[in-house]
């Protein structure tokens, strides 16, 4: 390729700037927490987020997490995600800012490619119109779409990929976020003909699959949302126990994100059957309060979250050789 063609490519700074704009619009909660990282980690977190956001948007026919639709060409979209991700991991110029963001962060942070492919496997589940039948199925899905991202974020923060216990705790935080996200978005997912509530759970409370958002079933679905959030808190607690292994600023960001996003789940639980009347969000004041609490928690994290064996009752992520 000619030197002129190379000169037309956006610089790393330009791709980082685009990634920063993406997270600012796509997730105000993660954007707020990311500001607490040191500059290098912050930029890499933005780059990783930009890739994950682009994949999610492409898979769901949405823009920056808004306007999910039923897509008619899911396999083709998955093939595009896979091909562009593989090109980025191979160090190739992709020509799409989000996938070139992955190219940059994967090389700089030496991201394990197996974890990136685990995330793609989550999009494959959605492309196949997959639905969880059991609680174990639910956690497996949460791992692929969020827990594996948590592991990648831990590596971005400097965690050794061989440190399986700390990666487990990072995975737990991703699962916690996704469980709260599922609880919040039950109605939105139903409108797009999706449901991430295990079929076994629906059968337990005598709710026909596919009809769970009909008004007569709202009180029962609120019970399942509470169950999701209760479980989310177990994973969140486990994740907090991993923060002593992180540098102070990384721990501060992680604890802030846990507080902010955990607050969304707790708000869903508190609203009961009215949780889906309006989308649950956190205000700027609530985010600032969470950041302040996280600062104190990060300072005393060694004493507050002493290293203990991970709860054996929690779902265990897959291991890679």
C-alpha atoms as a PDB file:
ATOM      1  CA  UNK A   1       0.000   0.000   0.000  1.00  0.00           C
ATOM      2  CA  UNK A   2       1.260   3.469  -0.842  1.00  0.00           C
ATOM      3  CA  UNK A   3       2.469   5.967   1.727  1.00  0.00           C
ATOM      4  CA  UNK A   4      -0.390   8.268   0.700  1.00  0.00           C
ATOM      5  CA  UNK A   5      -2.926   5.568   1.519  1.00  0.00           C
ATOM      6  CA  UNK A   6      -1.358   5.056   4.941  1.00  0.00           C
ATOM      7  CA  UNK A   7      -1.451   8.808   5.535  1.00  0.00           C
ATOM      8  CA  UNK A   8      -5.228   8.814   5.027  1.00  0.00           C
ATOM      9  CA  UNK A   9      -5.735   6.452   7.959  1.00  0.00           C
ATOM     10  CA  UNK A  10      -6.952   7.973  11.240  1.00  0.00           C
ATOM     11  CA  UNK A  11      -4.302   8.252  13.929  1.00  0.00           C
ATOM     12  CA  UNK A  12      -4.463   6.422  17.233  1.00  0.00           C
ATOM     13  CA  UNK A  13      -5.510   9.709  18.876  1.00  0.00           C
ATOM     14  CA  UNK A  14      -8.375  10.087  16.397  1.00  0.00           C
ATOM     15  CA  UNK A  15      -9.602   6.534  17.030  1.00  0.00           C
ATOM     16  CA  UNK A  16      -9.372   7.098  20.798  1.00  0.00           C
ATOM     17  CA  UNK A  17     -11.379  10.321  20.409  1.00  0.00           C
ATOM     18  CA  UNK A  18     -14.084   8.455  18.494  1.00  0.00           C
ATOM     19  CA  UNK A  19     -14.136   5.752  21.161  1.00  0.00           C
ATOM     20  CA  UNK A  20     -14.501   8.401  23.848  1.00  0.00           C
ATOM     21  CA  UNK A  21     -17.522   9.849  22.039  1.00  0.00           C
ATOM     22  CA  UNK A  22     -19.006   6.373  21.733  1.00  0.00           C
ATOM     23  CA  UNK A  23     -18.868   5.594  25.450  1.00  0.00           C
ATOM     24  CA  UNK A  24     -20.100   9.088  26.354  1.00  0.00           C
ATOM     25  CA  UNK A  25     -23.321   8.417  24.445  1.00  0.00           C
ATOM     26  CA  UNK A  26     -23.557   4.628  24.689  1.00  0.00           C
ATOM     27  CA  UNK A  27     -23.077   4.264  28.444  1.00  0.00           C
ATOM     28  CA  UNK A  28     -23.014   7.236  30.778  1.00  0.00           C
ATOM     29  CA  UNK A  29     -22.490   4.870  33.710  1.00  0.00           C
ATOM     30  CA  UNK A  30     -19.340   3.279  32.281  1.00  0.00           C
ATOM     31  CA  UNK A  31     -18.156   6.636  30.969  1.00  0.00           C
ATOM     32  CA  UNK A  32     -18.316   8.097  34.479  1.00  0.00           C
ATOM     33  CA  UNK A  33     -16.395   5.187  35.986  1.00  0.00           C
ATOM     34  CA  UNK A  34     -13.786   5.172  33.213  1.00  0.00           C
ATOM     35  CA  UNK A  35     -12.673   8.704  34.078  1.00  0.00           C
ATOM     36  CA  UNK A  36     -11.177   7.318  37.271  1.00  0.00           C
ATOM     37  CA  UNK A  37      -8.546   5.229  35.468  1.00  0.00           C
ATOM     38  CA  UNK A  38      -5.073   6.502  34.735  1.00  0.00           C
ATOM     39  CA  UNK A  39      -4.791   7.986  31.231  1.00  0.00           C
ATOM     40  CA  UNK A  40      -3.400   4.885  29.508  1.00  0.00           C
ATOM     41  CA  UNK A  41      -5.913   2.492  31.046  1.00  0.00           C
ATOM     42  CA  UNK A  42      -8.756   4.924  30.399  1.00  0.00           C
ATOM     43  CA  UNK A  43      -7.968   5.141  26.686  1.00  0.00           C
ATOM     44  CA  UNK A  44      -7.683   1.381  26.375  1.00  0.00           C
ATOM     45  CA  UNK A  45     -10.994   0.917  28.198  1.00  0.00           C
ATOM     46  CA  UNK A  46     -12.644   3.285  25.719  1.00  0.00           C
ATOM     47  CA  UNK A  47     -11.140   1.379  22.796  1.00  0.00           C
ATOM     48  CA  UNK A  48     -12.398  -1.962  24.115  1.00  0.00           C
ATOM     49  CA  UNK A  49     -15.825  -0.492  24.800  1.00  0.00           C
ATOM     50  CA  UNK A  50     -16.065   0.955  21.276  1.00  0.00           C
ATOM     51  CA  UNK A  51     -15.534  -2.503  19.771  1.00  0.00           C
ATOM     52  CA  UNK A  52     -18.035  -4.200  22.086  1.00  0.00           C
ATOM     53  CA  UNK A  53     -20.609  -1.471  21.484  1.00  0.00           C
ATOM     54  CA  UNK A  54     -20.228  -1.707  17.701  1.00  0.00           C
ATOM     55  CA  UNK A  55     -20.643  -5.487  17.767  1.00  0.00           C
ATOM     56  CA  UNK A  56     -23.724  -5.222  19.967  1.00  0.00           C
ATOM     57  CA  UNK A  57     -25.265  -2.524  17.773  1.00  0.00           C
ATOM     58  CA  UNK A  58     -24.621  -4.498  14.616  1.00  0.00           C
ATOM     59  CA  UNK A  59     -26.059  -7.689  16.119  1.00  0.00           C
ATOM     60  CA  UNK A  60     -29.180  -5.960  17.468  1.00  0.00           C
ATOM     61  CA  UNK A  61     -29.879  -3.532  14.627  1.00  0.00           C
ATOM     62  CA  UNK A  62     -29.532  -0.558  16.949  1.00  0.00           C
ATOM     63  CA  UNK A  63     -27.428   2.565  17.362  1.00  0.00           C
ATOM     64  CA  UNK A  64     -25.340   3.155  20.474  1.00  0.00           C
ATOM     65  CA  UNK A  65     -27.523   0.782  22.465  1.00  0.00           C
ATOM     66  CA  UNK A  66     -30.825   2.392  21.466  1.00  0.00           C
ATOM     67  CA  UNK A  67     -33.669   1.182  19.262  1.00  0.00           C
ATOM     68  CA  UNK A  68     -33.202  -2.592  19.300  1.00  0.00           C
ATOM     69  CA  UNK A  69     -35.021  -4.212  16.377  1.00  0.00           C
ATOM     70  CA  UNK A  70     -35.665  -7.680  15.033  1.00  0.00           C
ATOM     71  CA  UNK A  71     -33.019  -8.238  12.352  1.00  0.00           C
ATOM     72  CA  UNK A  72     -33.710 -10.436   9.322  1.00  0.00           C
ATOM     73  CA  UNK A  73     -30.069 -11.071   8.440  1.00  0.00           C
ATOM     74  CA  UNK A  74     -28.602 -12.125  11.791  1.00  0.00           C
ATOM     75  CA  UNK A  75     -26.198 -14.747  10.328  1.00  0.00           C
ATOM     76  CA  UNK A  76     -24.754 -12.203   7.895  1.00  0.00           C
ATOM     77  CA  UNK A  77     -24.290  -9.686  10.685  1.00  0.00           C
ATOM     78  CA  UNK A  78     -22.529 -12.305  12.812  1.00  0.00           C
ATOM     79  CA  UNK A  79     -20.253 -13.171   9.895  1.00  0.00           C
ATOM     80  CA  UNK A  80     -19.331  -9.496   9.529  1.00  0.00           C
ATOM     81  CA  UNK A  81     -18.596  -9.143  13.236  1.00  0.00           C
ATOM     82  CA  UNK A  82     -16.444 -12.287  13.179  1.00  0.00           C
ATOM     83  CA  UNK A  83     -14.495 -11.353  10.050  1.00  0.00           C
ATOM     84  CA  UNK A  84     -13.755  -7.796  11.174  1.00  0.00           C
ATOM     85  CA  UNK A  85     -12.822  -8.941  14.679  1.00  0.00           C
ATOM     86  CA  UNK A  86     -10.467 -11.607  13.315  1.00  0.00           C
ATOM     87  CA  UNK A  87      -8.845  -9.023  11.035  1.00  0.00           C
ATOM     88  CA  UNK A  88      -8.324  -6.681  13.980  1.00  0.00           C
ATOM     89  CA  UNK A  89      -6.782  -9.439  16.094  1.00  0.00           C
ATOM     90  CA  UNK A  90      -4.463 -10.267  13.222  1.00  0.00           C
ATOM     91  CA  UNK A  91      -3.212  -6.681  13.321  1.00  0.00           C
ATOM     92  CA  UNK A  92      -4.799  -5.777  10.004  1.00  0.00           C
ATOM     93  CA  UNK A  93      -6.205  -2.343   9.192  1.00  0.00           C
ATOM     94  CA  UNK A  94     -10.004  -2.793   9.199  1.00  0.00           C
ATOM     95  CA  UNK A  95     -11.196   0.628   8.127  1.00  0.00           C
ATOM     96  CA  UNK A  96     -13.907   0.781  10.794  1.00  0.00           C
ATOM     97  CA  UNK A  97     -13.007   2.907  13.869  1.00  0.00           C
ATOM     98  CA  UNK A  98     -14.557   0.449  16.329  1.00  0.00           C
ATOM     99  CA  UNK A  99     -12.748  -2.594  14.974  1.00  0.00           C
ATOM    100  CA  UNK A 100      -9.519  -0.657  14.563  1.00  0.00           C
ATOM    101  CA  UNK A 101      -9.984   0.294  18.212  1.00  0.00           C
ATOM    102  CA  UNK A 102      -9.859  -3.433  19.011  1.00  0.00           C
ATOM    103  CA  UNK A 103      -6.762  -3.802  16.818  1.00  0.00           C
ATOM    104  CA  UNK A 104      -4.995  -1.146  18.877  1.00  0.00           C
ATOM    105  CA  UNK A 105      -6.004  -2.292  22.352  1.00  0.00           C
ATOM    106  CA  UNK A 106      -5.505  -5.992  21.570  1.00  0.00           C
ATOM    107  CA  UNK A 107      -1.909  -5.311  20.546  1.00  0.00           C
ATOM    108  CA  UNK A 108      -1.096  -2.860  23.331  1.00  0.00           C
ATOM    109  CA  UNK A 109      -2.625  -4.854  26.190  1.00  0.00           C
ATOM    110  CA  UNK A 110      -1.928  -8.282  24.681  1.00  0.00           C
ATOM    111  CA  UNK A 111      -5.529  -9.357  25.038  1.00  0.00           C
ATOM    112  CA  UNK A 112      -6.074 -13.130  25.016  1.00  0.00           C
ATOM    113  CA  UNK A 113      -7.756 -13.878  21.700  1.00  0.00           C
ATOM    114  CA  UNK A 114      -9.760 -16.726  23.252  1.00  0.00           C
ATOM    115  CA  UNK A 115     -11.600 -14.237  25.478  1.00  0.00           C
ATOM    116  CA  UNK A 116     -12.419 -12.049  22.477  1.00  0.00           C
ATOM    117  CA  UNK A 117     -13.820 -15.094  20.690  1.00  0.00           C
ATOM    118  CA  UNK A 118     -15.885 -15.916  23.783  1.00  0.00           C
ATOM    119  CA  UNK A 119     -17.593 -12.539  23.382  1.00  0.00           C
ATOM    120  CA  UNK A 120     -18.331 -13.297  19.718  1.00  0.00           C
ATOM    121  CA  UNK A 121     -19.922 -16.572  20.860  1.00  0.00           C
ATOM    122  CA  UNK A 122     -22.485 -14.513  22.758  1.00  0.00           C
ATOM    123  CA  UNK A 123     -23.516 -12.721  19.570  1.00  0.00           C
ATOM    124  CA  UNK A 124     -23.764 -16.132  17.913  1.00  0.00           C
ATOM    125  CA  UNK A 125     -26.300 -17.191  20.532  1.00  0.00           C
ATOM    126  CA  UNK A 126     -28.481 -14.184  19.736  1.00  0.00           C
ATOM    127  CA  UNK A 127     -28.079 -14.738  15.997  1.00  0.00           C
ATOM    128  CA  UNK A 128     -29.412 -18.268  16.472  1.00  0.00           C
ATOM    129  CA  UNK A 129     -32.463 -16.892  18.365  1.00  0.00           C
ATOM    130  CA  UNK A 130     -31.236 -18.777  21.426  1.00  0.00           C
ATOM    131  CA  UNK A 131     -33.256 -18.698  24.671  1.00  0.00           C
ATOM    132  CA  UNK A 132     -32.072 -19.936  28.077  1.00  0.00           C
ATOM    133  CA  UNK A 133     -33.917 -22.961  29.375  1.00  0.00           C
ATOM    134  CA  UNK A 134     -32.111 -23.256  32.706  1.00  0.00           C
ATOM    135  CA  UNK A 135     -30.411 -20.941  35.170  1.00  0.00           C
ATOM    136  CA  UNK A 136     -27.079 -22.392  34.073  1.00  0.00           C
ATOM    137  CA  UNK A 137     -27.933 -21.367  30.493  1.00  0.00           C
ATOM    138  CA  UNK A 138     -28.576 -17.832  31.746  1.00  0.00           C
ATOM    139  CA  UNK A 139     -25.158 -17.559  33.376  1.00  0.00           C
ATOM    140  CA  UNK A 140     -23.461 -19.014  30.323  1.00  0.00           C
ATOM    141  CA  UNK A 141     -25.052 -16.288  28.206  1.00  0.00           C
ATOM    142  CA  UNK A 142     -24.109 -13.599  30.745  1.00  0.00           C
ATOM    143  CA  UNK A 143     -20.529 -14.836  30.587  1.00  0.00           C
ATOM    144  CA  UNK A 144     -20.292 -14.560  26.830  1.00  0.00           C
ATOM    145  CA  UNK A 145     -21.838 -11.103  26.511  1.00  0.00           C
ATOM    146  CA  UNK A 146     -20.468  -9.497  29.691  1.00  0.00           C
ATOM    147  CA  UNK A 147     -18.321 -11.746  31.870  1.00  0.00           C
ATOM    148  CA  UNK A 148     -15.722 -12.234  29.136  1.00  0.00           C
ATOM    149  CA  UNK A 149     -15.679  -8.450  28.648  1.00  0.00           C
ATOM    150  CA  UNK A 150     -14.950  -8.163  32.375  1.00  0.00           C
ATOM    151  CA  UNK A 151     -11.983 -10.501  31.940  1.00  0.00           C
ATOM    152  CA  UNK A 152     -10.697  -8.445  29.001  1.00  0.00           C
ATOM    153  CA  UNK A 153     -11.077  -5.262  31.040  1.00  0.00           C
ATOM    154  CA  UNK A 154      -9.041  -6.828  33.838  1.00  0.00           C
ATOM    155  CA  UNK A 155      -6.223  -7.512  31.382  1.00  0.00           C
ATOM    156  CA  UNK A 156      -6.493  -3.911  30.163  1.00  0.00           C
ATOM    157  CA  UNK A 157      -6.037  -2.875  33.809  1.00  0.00           C
ATOM    158  CA  UNK A 158      -2.820  -4.872  33.997  1.00  0.00           C
ATOM    159  CA  UNK A 159      -4.003  -8.180  35.453  1.00  0.00           C
ATOM    160  CA  UNK A 160      -1.897 -11.128  34.317  1.00  0.00           C
ATOM    161  CA  UNK A 161      -4.052 -13.411  32.106  1.00  0.00           C
ATOM    162  CA  UNK A 162      -2.670 -16.323  34.145  1.00  0.00           C
ATOM    163  CA  UNK A 163      -4.207 -14.867  37.334  1.00  0.00           C
ATOM    164  CA  UNK A 164      -7.346 -16.980  37.090  1.00  0.00           C
ATOM    165  CA  UNK A 165      -8.808 -15.924  40.442  1.00  0.00           C
ATOM    166  CA  UNK A 166      -8.700 -12.209  39.660  1.00  0.00           C
ATOM    167  CA  UNK A 167     -10.142 -12.884  36.207  1.00  0.00           C
ATOM    168  CA  UNK A 168     -12.925 -14.872  37.900  1.00  0.00           C
ATOM    169  CA  UNK A 169     -13.756 -11.808  40.004  1.00  0.00           C
ATOM    170  CA  UNK A 170     -13.721  -9.589  36.899  1.00  0.00           C
ATOM    171  CA  UNK A 171     -16.023 -12.065  35.191  1.00  0.00           C
ATOM    172  CA  UNK A 172     -18.321 -11.935  38.219  1.00  0.00           C
ATOM    173  CA  UNK A 173     -18.663  -8.182  37.840  1.00  0.00           C
ATOM    174  CA  UNK A 174     -19.620  -8.557  34.191  1.00  0.00           C
ATOM    175  CA  UNK A 175     -22.212 -11.183  35.100  1.00  0.00           C
ATOM    176  CA  UNK A 176     -23.562  -8.906  37.839  1.00  0.00           C
ATOM    177  CA  UNK A 177     -23.953  -6.067  35.331  1.00  0.00           C
ATOM    178  CA  UNK A 178     -25.695  -8.299  32.806  1.00  0.00           C
ATOM    179  CA  UNK A 179     -28.148  -9.733  35.323  1.00  0.00           C
ATOM    180  CA  UNK A 180     -29.172  -6.199  36.309  1.00  0.00           C
ATOM    181  CA  UNK A 181     -29.344  -5.254  32.644  1.00  0.00           C
ATOM    182  CA  UNK A 182     -31.650  -8.179  31.877  1.00  0.00           C
ATOM    183  CA  UNK A 183     -33.913  -7.226  34.788  1.00  0.00           C
ATOM    184  CA  UNK A 184     -34.110  -3.624  33.591  1.00  0.00           C
ATOM    185  CA  UNK A 185     -34.732  -4.518  29.945  1.00  0.00           C
ATOM    186  CA  UNK A 186     -37.300  -7.310  30.215  1.00  0.00           C
ATOM    187  CA  UNK A 187     -39.965  -5.224  28.457  1.00  0.00           C
ATOM    188  CA  UNK A 188     -37.590  -3.820  25.838  1.00  0.00           C
ATOM    189  CA  UNK A 189     -36.299  -7.303  25.033  1.00  0.00           C
ATOM    190  CA  UNK A 190     -39.851  -8.648  24.746  1.00  0.00           C
ATOM    191  CA  UNK A 191     -40.679  -5.915  22.227  1.00  0.00           C
ATOM    192  CA  UNK A 192     -37.778  -7.210  20.092  1.00  0.00           C
ATOM    193  CA  UNK A 193     -39.016 -10.810  20.501  1.00  0.00           C
ATOM    194  CA  UNK A 194     -36.283 -11.745  22.952  1.00  0.00           C
ATOM    195  CA  UNK A 195     -36.419 -13.187  26.438  1.00  0.00           C
ATOM    196  CA  UNK A 196     -33.492 -13.958  28.706  1.00  0.00           C
ATOM    197  CA  UNK A 197     -35.574 -15.264  31.603  1.00  0.00           C
ATOM    198  CA  UNK A 198     -34.964 -19.022  31.841  1.00  0.00           C
ATOM    199  CA  UNK A 199     -37.915 -21.075  30.624  1.00  0.00           C
ATOM    200  CA  UNK A 200     -37.718 -23.082  33.847  1.00  0.00           C
ATOM    201  CA  UNK A 201     -38.271 -19.897  35.867  1.00  0.00           C
ATOM    202  CA  UNK A 202     -41.334 -18.994  33.804  1.00  0.00           C
ATOM    203  CA  UNK A 203     -42.740 -22.497  34.200  1.00  0.00           C
ATOM    204  CA  UNK A 204     -42.216 -22.312  37.970  1.00  0.00           C
ATOM    205  CA  UNK A 205     -44.516 -19.273  38.219  1.00  0.00           C
ATOM    206  CA  UNK A 206     -46.978 -20.510  35.565  1.00  0.00           C
ATOM    207  CA  UNK A 207     -46.264 -17.824  32.986  1.00  0.00           C
ATOM    208  CA  UNK A 208     -46.482 -18.904  29.325  1.00  0.00           C
ATOM    209  CA  UNK A 209     -43.205 -18.142  27.481  1.00  0.00           C
ATOM    210  CA  UNK A 210     -43.701 -15.285  25.062  1.00  0.00           C
ATOM    211  CA  UNK A 211     -46.580 -13.813  27.060  1.00  0.00           C
ATOM    212  CA  UNK A 212     -44.633 -12.728  30.122  1.00  0.00           C
ATOM    213  CA  UNK A 213     -45.114  -8.977  29.636  1.00  0.00           C
ATOM    214  CA  UNK A 214     -48.909  -9.153  29.484  1.00  0.00           C
ATOM    215  CA  UNK A 215     -50.396  -7.080  32.351  1.00  0.00           C
ATOM    216  CA  UNK A 216     -51.787 -10.016  34.385  1.00  0.00           C
ATOM    217  CA  UNK A 217     -48.283 -11.465  34.728  1.00  0.00           C
ATOM    218  CA  UNK A 218     -46.495  -8.259  35.796  1.00  0.00           C
ATOM    219  CA  UNK A 219     -46.431  -9.101  39.541  1.00  0.00           C
ATOM    220  CA  UNK A 220     -44.931 -12.519  38.812  1.00  0.00           C
ATOM    221  CA  UNK A 221     -42.329 -11.103  36.430  1.00  0.00           C
ATOM    222  CA  UNK A 222     -41.403  -8.575  39.128  1.00  0.00           C
ATOM    223  CA  UNK A 223     -40.593 -11.586  41.326  1.00  0.00           C
ATOM    224  CA  UNK A 224     -38.228 -12.892  38.666  1.00  0.00           C
ATOM    225  CA  UNK A 225     -36.643  -9.449  38.272  1.00  0.00           C
ATOM    226  CA  UNK A 226     -36.010  -9.463  42.025  1.00  0.00           C
ATOM    227  CA  UNK A 227     -34.444 -12.903  41.672  1.00  0.00           C
ATOM    228  CA  UNK A 228     -32.129 -11.584  38.957  1.00  0.00           C
ATOM    229  CA  UNK A 229     -31.062  -8.605  41.056  1.00  0.00           C
ATOM    230  CA  UNK A 230     -30.569 -10.720  44.174  1.00  0.00           C
ATOM    231  CA  UNK A 231     -28.242 -12.956  42.177  1.00  0.00           C
ATOM    232  CA  UNK A 232     -26.536  -9.912  40.674  1.00  0.00           C
ATOM    233  CA  UNK A 233     -25.635  -8.766  44.183  1.00  0.00           C
ATOM    234  CA  UNK A 234     -23.949 -12.101  44.925  1.00  0.00           C
ATOM    235  CA  UNK A 235     -21.728 -11.707  41.869  1.00  0.00           C
ATOM    236  CA  UNK A 236     -21.106  -8.049  42.672  1.00  0.00           C
ATOM    237  CA  UNK A 237     -19.934  -8.981  46.185  1.00  0.00           C
ATOM    238  CA  UNK A 238     -17.543 -11.554  44.743  1.00  0.00           C
ATOM    239  CA  UNK A 239     -16.182  -8.995  42.276  1.00  0.00           C
ATOM    240  CA  UNK A 240     -15.482  -6.507  45.051  1.00  0.00           C
ATOM    241  CA  UNK A 241     -13.276  -9.112  46.733  1.00  0.00           C
ATOM    242  CA  UNK A 242     -11.006  -9.012  43.682  1.00  0.00           C
ATOM    243  CA  UNK A 243     -10.231  -5.290  43.936  1.00  0.00           C
ATOM    244  CA  UNK A 244      -7.246  -5.609  46.337  1.00  0.00           C
ATOM    245  CA  UNK A 245      -5.364  -7.169  43.389  1.00  0.00           C
ATOM    246  CA  UNK A 246      -5.817  -3.968  41.350  1.00  0.00           C
ATOM    247  CA  UNK A 247      -3.955  -0.656  41.436  1.00  0.00           C
ATOM    248  CA  UNK A 248      -5.786   2.052  43.389  1.00  0.00           C
ATOM    249  CA  UNK A 249      -7.246   3.939  40.435  1.00  0.00           C
ATOM    250  CA  UNK A 250      -8.382   0.752  38.720  1.00  0.00           C
ATOM    251  CA  UNK A 251     -10.002  -0.443  41.950  1.00  0.00           C
ATOM    252  CA  UNK A 252     -11.690   2.945  42.353  1.00  0.00           C
ATOM    253  CA  UNK A 253     -13.144   2.718  38.833  1.00  0.00           C
ATOM    254  CA  UNK A 254     -14.298  -0.878  39.317  1.00  0.00           C
ATOM    255  CA  UNK A 255     -15.963  -0.130  42.650  1.00  0.00           C
ATOM    256  CA  UNK A 256     -17.628   2.971  41.204  1.00  0.00           C
ATOM    257  CA  UNK A 257     -18.982   0.969  38.260  1.00  0.00           C
ATOM    258  CA  UNK A 258     -20.229  -1.739  40.635  1.00  0.00           C
ATOM    259  CA  UNK A 259     -22.040   0.861  42.739  1.00  0.00           C
ATOM    260  CA  UNK A 260     -23.519   2.741  39.772  1.00  0.00           C
ATOM    261  CA  UNK A 261     -24.669  -0.261  37.798  1.00  0.00           C
ATOM    262  CA  UNK A 262     -25.690  -2.197  40.886  1.00  0.00           C
ATOM    263  CA  UNK A 263     -27.873   0.776  41.771  1.00  0.00           C
ATOM    264  CA  UNK A 264     -29.784   0.307  38.529  1.00  0.00           C
ATOM    265  CA  UNK A 265     -30.630  -3.260  39.466  1.00  0.00           C
ATOM    266  CA  UNK A 266     -31.614  -2.271  42.977  1.00  0.00           C
ATOM    267  CA  UNK A 267     -33.916   0.425  41.578  1.00  0.00           C
ATOM    268  CA  UNK A 268     -35.585  -2.156  39.339  1.00  0.00           C
ATOM    269  CA  UNK A 269     -36.142  -4.399  42.342  1.00  0.00           C
ATOM    270  CA  UNK A 270     -37.549  -1.531  44.422  1.00  0.00           C
ATOM    271  CA  UNK A 271     -40.073  -0.529  41.734  1.00  0.00           C
ATOM    272  CA  UNK A 272     -41.597  -3.982  41.583  1.00  0.00           C
ATOM    273  CA  UNK A 273     -44.158  -4.409  38.812  1.00  0.00           C
ATOM    274  CA  UNK A 274     -43.737  -0.740  37.830  1.00  0.00           C
ATOM    275  CA  UNK A 275     -40.049  -1.257  36.944  1.00  0.00           C
ATOM    276  CA  UNK A 276     -40.800  -1.107  33.216  1.00  0.00           C
ATOM    277  CA  UNK A 277     -43.118   1.905  33.164  1.00  0.00           C
ATOM    278  CA  UNK A 278     -40.053   4.074  32.545  1.00  0.00           C
ATOM    279  CA  UNK A 279     -36.462   3.048  31.842  1.00  0.00           C
ATOM    280  CA  UNK A 280     -34.415   2.959  35.040  1.00  0.00           C
ATOM    281  CA  UNK A 281     -31.396   5.270  34.945  1.00  0.00           C
ATOM    282  CA  UNK A 282     -29.034   6.915  37.435  1.00  0.00           C
ATOM    283  CA  UNK A 283     -28.764  10.676  37.784  1.00  0.00           C
ATOM    284  CA  UNK A 284     -25.543  12.651  37.682  1.00  0.00           C
ATOM    285  CA  UNK A 285     -25.850  13.237  41.429  1.00  0.00           C
ATOM    286  CA  UNK A 286     -26.208   9.512  42.055  1.00  0.00           C
ATOM    287  CA  UNK A 287     -23.134   8.787  39.940  1.00  0.00           C
ATOM    288  CA  UNK A 288     -21.079  11.380  41.832  1.00  0.00           C
ATOM    289  CA  UNK A 289     -22.202   9.916  45.159  1.00  0.00           C
ATOM    290  CA  UNK A 290     -21.216   6.439  43.976  1.00  0.00           C
ATOM    291  CA  UNK A 291     -17.798   7.710  42.880  1.00  0.00           C
ATOM    292  CA  UNK A 292     -17.270   9.270  46.316  1.00  0.00           C
ATOM    293  CA  UNK A 293     -18.253   6.054  48.094  1.00  0.00           C
ATOM    294  CA  UNK A 294     -15.988   4.068  45.784  1.00  0.00           C
ATOM    295  CA  UNK A 295     -13.035   6.331  46.593  1.00  0.00           C
ATOM    296  CA  UNK A 296     -13.322   5.477  50.291  1.00  0.00           C
ATOM    297  CA  UNK A 297     -13.892   1.806  49.534  1.00  0.00           C
ATOM    298  CA  UNK A 298     -10.845   1.668  47.233  1.00  0.00           C
ATOM    299  CA  UNK A 299      -8.635   3.265  49.869  1.00  0.00           C
ATOM    300  CA  UNK A 300      -9.594   0.624  52.424  1.00  0.00           C
ATOM    301  CA  UNK A 301     -10.125  -2.260  50.009  1.00  0.00           C
ATOM    302  CA  UNK A 302      -7.519  -4.572  51.552  1.00  0.00           C
ATOM    303  CA  UNK A 303      -9.291  -4.563  54.914  1.00  0.00           C
ATOM    304  CA  UNK A 304     -12.815  -4.200  53.577  1.00  0.00           C
ATOM    305  CA  UNK A 305     -12.516  -6.996  51.012  1.00  0.00           C
ATOM    306  CA  UNK A 306     -10.052  -9.532  52.428  1.00  0.00           C
ATOM    307  CA  UNK A 307      -8.972 -12.205  49.992  1.00  0.00           C
ATOM    308  CA  UNK A 308     -11.168 -15.240  50.500  1.00  0.00           C
ATOM    309  CA  UNK A 309     -12.017 -18.276  48.376  1.00  0.00           C
ATOM    310  CA  UNK A 310     -14.620 -17.480  45.756  1.00  0.00           C
ATOM    311  CA  UNK A 311     -18.166 -18.575  46.611  1.00  0.00           C
ATOM    312  CA  UNK A 312     -18.392 -22.149  45.241  1.00  0.00           C
ATOM    313  CA  UNK A 313     -22.102 -21.629  44.591  1.00  0.00           C
ATOM    314  CA  UNK A 314     -21.397 -19.100  41.836  1.00  0.00           C
ATOM    315  CA  UNK A 315     -21.287 -20.163  38.197  1.00  0.00           C
ATOM    316  CA  UNK A 316     -17.753 -20.954  37.006  1.00  0.00           C
ATOM    317  CA  UNK A 317     -16.524 -19.452  33.745  1.00  0.00           C
ATOM    318  CA  UNK A 318     -14.778 -21.735  31.226  1.00  0.00           C
ATOM    319  CA  UNK A 319     -11.014 -22.067  31.320  1.00  0.00           C
ATOM    320  CA  UNK A 320      -8.775 -21.797  28.277  1.00  0.00           C
ATOM    321  CA  UNK A 321      -5.583 -23.780  27.846  1.00  0.00           C
END
